[in-house]
Amino acid sequence: MILVAKGRISKTPRPVLIVDDEAGMRTALEVSFARRGWQVETAGEKADALARFRQRLHSLVVSDVRMADGDGFSVMREVREIRSQTAVILLTGFGSVPDAVEAMKSGACEYLTKPVAFDELLESAERIGPEIRRLAPLLEPHN
């Protein structure tokens, strides 16, 4: 499969899992990533996100921090237990310096506050993209 993203041709699909309990935000992120050539899957809650991640080991997870059934920090920890190479970007409407520090120490690639500028989020994803593309062949579903 060949994907065209931001003027570049990529032979490696870039699967992203978007986790947000707010339907409007999920849809907006899904459309934004799809327009850049990402293979997008979404989940509205932590349990669904982890089930989807186990079925297809995504190279990038973008997760809201606060959700009804859990938080983005626990999503990140559990995703990393399953596949440590997966990049994680956390989004929050309630940003604080201590949470940002915890996110980065815990291995988040980015910690962005809502309302997030989609261009900023996509630039962050593109910036970590070379690493994602390098790891993509390793992210095959386990049987």
C-alpha atoms as a PDB file:
ATOM      1  CA  MET A   1       0.000   0.000   0.000  1.00  0.00           C
ATOM      2  CA  ILE A   2       1.275   3.458  -0.873  1.00  0.00           C
ATOM      3  CA  LEU A   3       0.041   6.493   1.059  1.00  0.00           C
ATOM      4  CA  VAL A   4       0.475  10.126   0.142  1.00  0.00           C
ATOM      5  CA  ALA A   5       0.797  12.354   3.185  1.00  0.00           C
ATOM      6  CA  LYS A   6       1.739  16.024   3.232  1.00  0.00           C
ATOM      7  CA  GLY A   7       3.288  15.828  -0.202  1.00  0.00           C
ATOM      8  CA  ARG A   8       5.348  12.752   0.618  1.00  0.00           C
ATOM      9  CA  ILE A   9       4.800   9.192  -0.480  1.00  0.00           C
ATOM     10  CA  SER A  10       4.981   6.589   2.239  1.00  0.00           C
ATOM     11  CA  LYS A  11       4.940   2.852   1.567  1.00  0.00           C
ATOM     12  CA  THR A  12       4.428   2.140   5.250  1.00  0.00           C
ATOM     13  CA  PRO A  13       0.924   2.537   6.637  1.00  0.00           C
ATOM     14  CA  ARG A  14       0.778   4.629   9.782  1.00  0.00           C
ATOM     15  CA  PRO A  15      -1.949   3.312  12.068  1.00  0.00           C
ATOM     16  CA  VAL A  16      -3.172   5.677  14.781  1.00  0.00           C
ATOM     17  CA  LEU A  17      -5.631   4.942  17.572  1.00  0.00           C
ATOM     18  CA  ILE A  18      -7.543   7.973  18.839  1.00  0.00           C
ATOM     19  CA  VAL A  19      -9.040   7.658  22.326  1.00  0.00           C
ATOM     20  CA  ASP A  20     -11.455  10.329  23.521  1.00  0.00           C
ATOM     21  CA  ASP A  21     -14.822  10.081  25.243  1.00  0.00           C
ATOM     22  CA  GLU A  22     -15.986  13.249  23.485  1.00  0.00           C
ATOM     23  CA  ALA A  23     -17.497  12.194  20.135  1.00  0.00           C
ATOM     24  CA  GLY A  24     -16.933  15.553  18.447  1.00  0.00           C
ATOM     25  CA  MET A  25     -13.247  15.585  19.315  1.00  0.00           C
ATOM     26  CA  ARG A  26     -12.838  11.964  18.184  1.00  0.00           C
ATOM     27  CA  THR A  27     -14.416  12.751  14.821  1.00  0.00           C
ATOM     28  CA  ALA A  28     -12.373  15.918  14.304  1.00  0.00           C
ATOM     29  CA  LEU A  29      -9.136  14.093  15.090  1.00  0.00           C
ATOM     30  CA  GLU A  30     -10.119  11.160  12.890  1.00  0.00           C
ATOM     31  CA  VAL A  31     -10.761  13.422   9.893  1.00  0.00           C
ATOM     32  CA  SER A  32      -7.557  15.408  10.460  1.00  0.00           C
ATOM     33  CA  PHE A  33      -5.342  12.335  10.652  1.00  0.00           C
ATOM     34  CA  ALA A  34      -7.073  10.592   7.725  1.00  0.00           C
ATOM     35  CA  ARG A  35      -6.480  13.638   5.521  1.00  0.00           C
ATOM     36  CA  ARG A  36      -2.748  13.249   6.210  1.00  0.00           C
ATOM     37  CA  GLY A  37      -2.723   9.612   5.144  1.00  0.00           C
ATOM     38  CA  TRP A  38      -2.960   7.913   8.548  1.00  0.00           C
ATOM     39  CA  GLN A  39      -4.990   4.751   9.030  1.00  0.00           C
ATOM     40  CA  VAL A  40      -7.315   5.879  11.801  1.00  0.00           C
ATOM     41  CA  GLU A  41      -9.184   3.853  14.367  1.00  0.00           C
ATOM     42  CA  THR A  42     -11.114   5.426  17.238  1.00  0.00           C
ATOM     43  CA  ALA A  43     -12.368   4.458  20.678  1.00  0.00           C
ATOM     44  CA  GLY A  44     -14.624   6.340  23.065  1.00  0.00           C
ATOM     45  CA  GLU A  45     -13.437   4.715  26.250  1.00  0.00           C
ATOM     46  CA  LYS A  46     -10.396   3.076  27.767  1.00  0.00           C
ATOM     47  CA  ALA A  47     -11.695  -0.502  27.659  1.00  0.00           C
ATOM     48  CA  ASP A  48     -12.600  -0.252  23.973  1.00  0.00           C
ATOM     49  CA  ALA A  49      -9.257   1.390  23.202  1.00  0.00           C
ATOM     50  CA  LEU A  50      -7.269  -1.404  24.810  1.00  0.00           C
ATOM     51  CA  ALA A  51      -9.348  -4.068  23.054  1.00  0.00           C
ATOM     52  CA  ARG A  52      -8.744  -2.351  19.686  1.00  0.00           C
ATOM     53  CA  PHE A  53      -5.049  -1.943  20.449  1.00  0.00           C
ATOM     54  CA  ARG A  54      -4.697  -5.650  21.214  1.00  0.00           C
ATOM     55  CA  GLN A  55      -6.329  -6.492  17.864  1.00  0.00           C
ATOM     56  CA  ARG A  56      -4.053  -4.163  15.902  1.00  0.00           C
ATOM     57  CA  LEU A  57      -0.903  -2.813  17.473  1.00  0.00           C
ATOM     58  CA  HIS A  58      -1.044   0.836  16.423  1.00  0.00           C
ATOM     59  CA  SER A  59       2.182   2.764  15.992  1.00  0.00           C
ATOM     60  CA  LEU A  60       0.657   5.902  17.551  1.00  0.00           C
ATOM     61  CA  VAL A  61      -1.978   6.391  20.243  1.00  0.00           C
ATOM     62  CA  VAL A  62      -3.516   9.821  20.817  1.00  0.00           C
ATOM     63  CA  SER A  63      -5.473   9.801  24.066  1.00  0.00           C
ATOM     64  CA  ASP A  64      -7.469  12.242  26.129  1.00  0.00           C
ATOM     65  CA  VAL A  65      -6.224  12.351  29.715  1.00  0.00           C
ATOM     66  CA  ARG A  66      -9.611  12.487  31.471  1.00  0.00           C
ATOM     67  CA  MET A  67     -12.274   9.990  30.455  1.00  0.00           C
ATOM     68  CA  ALA A  68     -15.290   8.489  32.197  1.00  0.00           C
ATOM     69  CA  ASP A  69     -13.801   4.991  32.537  1.00  0.00           C
ATOM     70  CA  GLY A  70     -10.148   5.837  33.080  1.00  0.00           C
ATOM     71  CA  ASP A  71      -7.417   8.220  32.083  1.00  0.00           C
ATOM     72  CA  GLY A  72      -4.861   8.638  29.359  1.00  0.00           C
ATOM     73  CA  PHE A  73      -2.008   7.864  31.733  1.00  0.00           C
ATOM     74  CA  SER A  74      -3.402   4.372  32.364  1.00  0.00           C
ATOM     75  CA  VAL A  75      -4.085   3.923  28.632  1.00  0.00           C
ATOM     76  CA  MET A  76      -0.444   4.828  27.970  1.00  0.00           C
ATOM     77  CA  ARG A  77       0.872   2.452  30.653  1.00  0.00           C
ATOM     78  CA  GLU A  78      -1.220  -0.482  29.434  1.00  0.00           C
ATOM     79  CA  VAL A  79      -0.425   0.160  25.766  1.00  0.00           C
ATOM     80  CA  ARG A  80       3.279   0.298  26.632  1.00  0.00           C
ATOM     81  CA  GLU A  81       3.012  -2.992  28.564  1.00  0.00           C
ATOM     82  CA  ILE A  82       1.626  -4.615  25.423  1.00  0.00           C
ATOM     83  CA  ARG A  83       3.985  -2.893  22.952  1.00  0.00           C
ATOM     84  CA  SER A  84       6.672  -0.638  24.388  1.00  0.00           C
ATOM     85  CA  GLN A  85       7.563   0.903  20.999  1.00  0.00           C
ATOM     86  CA  THR A  86       4.167   2.583  20.534  1.00  0.00           C
ATOM     87  CA  ALA A  87       4.311   6.385  20.563  1.00  0.00           C
ATOM     88  CA  VAL A  88       1.730   8.130  22.759  1.00  0.00           C
ATOM     89  CA  ILE A  89       0.457  11.712  22.617  1.00  0.00           C
ATOM     90  CA  LEU A  90      -1.714  12.836  25.527  1.00  0.00           C
ATOM     91  CA  LEU A  91      -4.342  15.570  25.219  1.00  0.00           C
ATOM     92  CA  THR A  92      -5.979  17.364  28.124  1.00  0.00           C
ATOM     93  CA  GLY A  93      -8.426  20.134  28.782  1.00  0.00           C
ATOM     94  CA  PHE A  94      -7.018  20.530  32.287  1.00  0.00           C
ATOM     95  CA  GLY A  95      -3.293  20.963  31.744  1.00  0.00           C
ATOM     96  CA  SER A  96      -0.956  21.463  34.645  1.00  0.00           C
ATOM     97  CA  VAL A  97       2.809  21.533  34.968  1.00  0.00           C
ATOM     98  CA  PRO A  98       2.913  18.503  37.325  1.00  0.00           C
ATOM     99  CA  ASP A  99       0.781  16.454  34.903  1.00  0.00           C
ATOM    100  CA  ALA A 100       2.950  17.518  31.964  1.00  0.00           C
ATOM    101  CA  VAL A 101       6.079  16.474  33.844  1.00  0.00           C
ATOM    102  CA  GLU A 102       4.493  13.146  34.797  1.00  0.00           C
ATOM    103  CA  ALA A 103       3.409  12.574  31.183  1.00  0.00           C
ATOM    104  CA  MET A 104       6.889  13.138  29.809  1.00  0.00           C
ATOM    105  CA  LYS A 105       8.579  11.086  32.551  1.00  0.00           C
ATOM    106  CA  SER A 106       6.108   8.281  31.867  1.00  0.00           C
ATOM    107  CA  GLY A 107       7.059   8.223  28.205  1.00  0.00           C
ATOM    108  CA  ALA A 108       4.531  10.410  26.401  1.00  0.00           C
ATOM    109  CA  CYS A 109       5.939  11.887  23.210  1.00  0.00           C
ATOM    110  CA  GLU A 110       3.788  15.000  23.649  1.00  0.00           C
ATOM    111  CA  TYR A 111       1.383  16.475  26.194  1.00  0.00           C
ATOM    112  CA  LEU A 112      -0.911  19.004  24.537  1.00  0.00           C
ATOM    113  CA  THR A 113      -3.733  21.080  25.982  1.00  0.00           C
ATOM    114  CA  LYS A 114      -7.232  21.351  24.535  1.00  0.00           C
ATOM    115  CA  PRO A 115      -8.499  23.011  22.596  1.00  0.00           C
ATOM    116  CA  VAL A 116      -5.657  21.603  20.560  1.00  0.00           C
ATOM    117  CA  ALA A 117      -4.657  23.176  17.284  1.00  0.00           C
ATOM    118  CA  PHE A 118      -4.953  20.278  14.847  1.00  0.00           C
ATOM    119  CA  ASP A 119      -1.936  21.521  12.914  1.00  0.00           C
ATOM    120  CA  GLU A 120       0.140  21.423  16.120  1.00  0.00           C
ATOM    121  CA  LEU A 121      -1.017  17.882  16.886  1.00  0.00           C
ATOM    122  CA  LEU A 122      -0.361  16.685  13.358  1.00  0.00           C
ATOM    123  CA  GLU A 123       3.057  18.367  13.366  1.00  0.00           C
ATOM    124  CA  SER A 124       3.866  16.506  16.589  1.00  0.00           C
ATOM    125  CA  ALA A 125       2.781  13.240  14.981  1.00  0.00           C
ATOM    126  CA  GLU A 126       4.828  14.002  11.864  1.00  0.00           C
ATOM    127  CA  ARG A 127       7.854  14.920  14.002  1.00  0.00           C
ATOM    128  CA  ILE A 128       7.798  11.511  15.662  1.00  0.00           C
ATOM    129  CA  GLY A 129       6.829   9.957  12.321  1.00  0.00           C
ATOM    130  CA  PRO A 130      10.282   8.714  11.293  1.00  0.00           C
ATOM    131  CA  GLU A 131      10.449   6.647  14.469  1.00  0.00           C
ATOM    132  CA  ILE A 132       6.895   5.402  13.903  1.00  0.00           C
ATOM    133  CA  ARG A 133       7.730   4.386  10.326  1.00  0.00           C
ATOM    134  CA  ARG A 134      10.911   2.651  11.501  1.00  0.00           C
ATOM    135  CA  LEU A 135       8.948   0.653  14.080  1.00  0.00           C
ATOM    136  CA  ALA A 136       5.866  -0.044  11.937  1.00  0.00           C
ATOM    137  CA  PRO A 137       7.159  -3.390  10.578  1.00  0.00           C
ATOM    138  CA  LEU A 138       7.639  -4.528  14.191  1.00  0.00           C
ATOM    139  CA  LEU A 139       4.043  -3.680  15.058  1.00  0.00           C
ATOM    140  CA  GLU A 140       2.478  -6.771  13.584  1.00  0.00           C
ATOM    141  CA  PRO A 141      -0.474  -8.335  15.418  1.00  0.00           C
ATOM    142  CA  HIS A 142       0.536 -11.175  17.675  1.00  0.00           C
ATOM    143  CA  ASN A 143      -1.285 -14.486  17.332  1.00  0.00           C
END
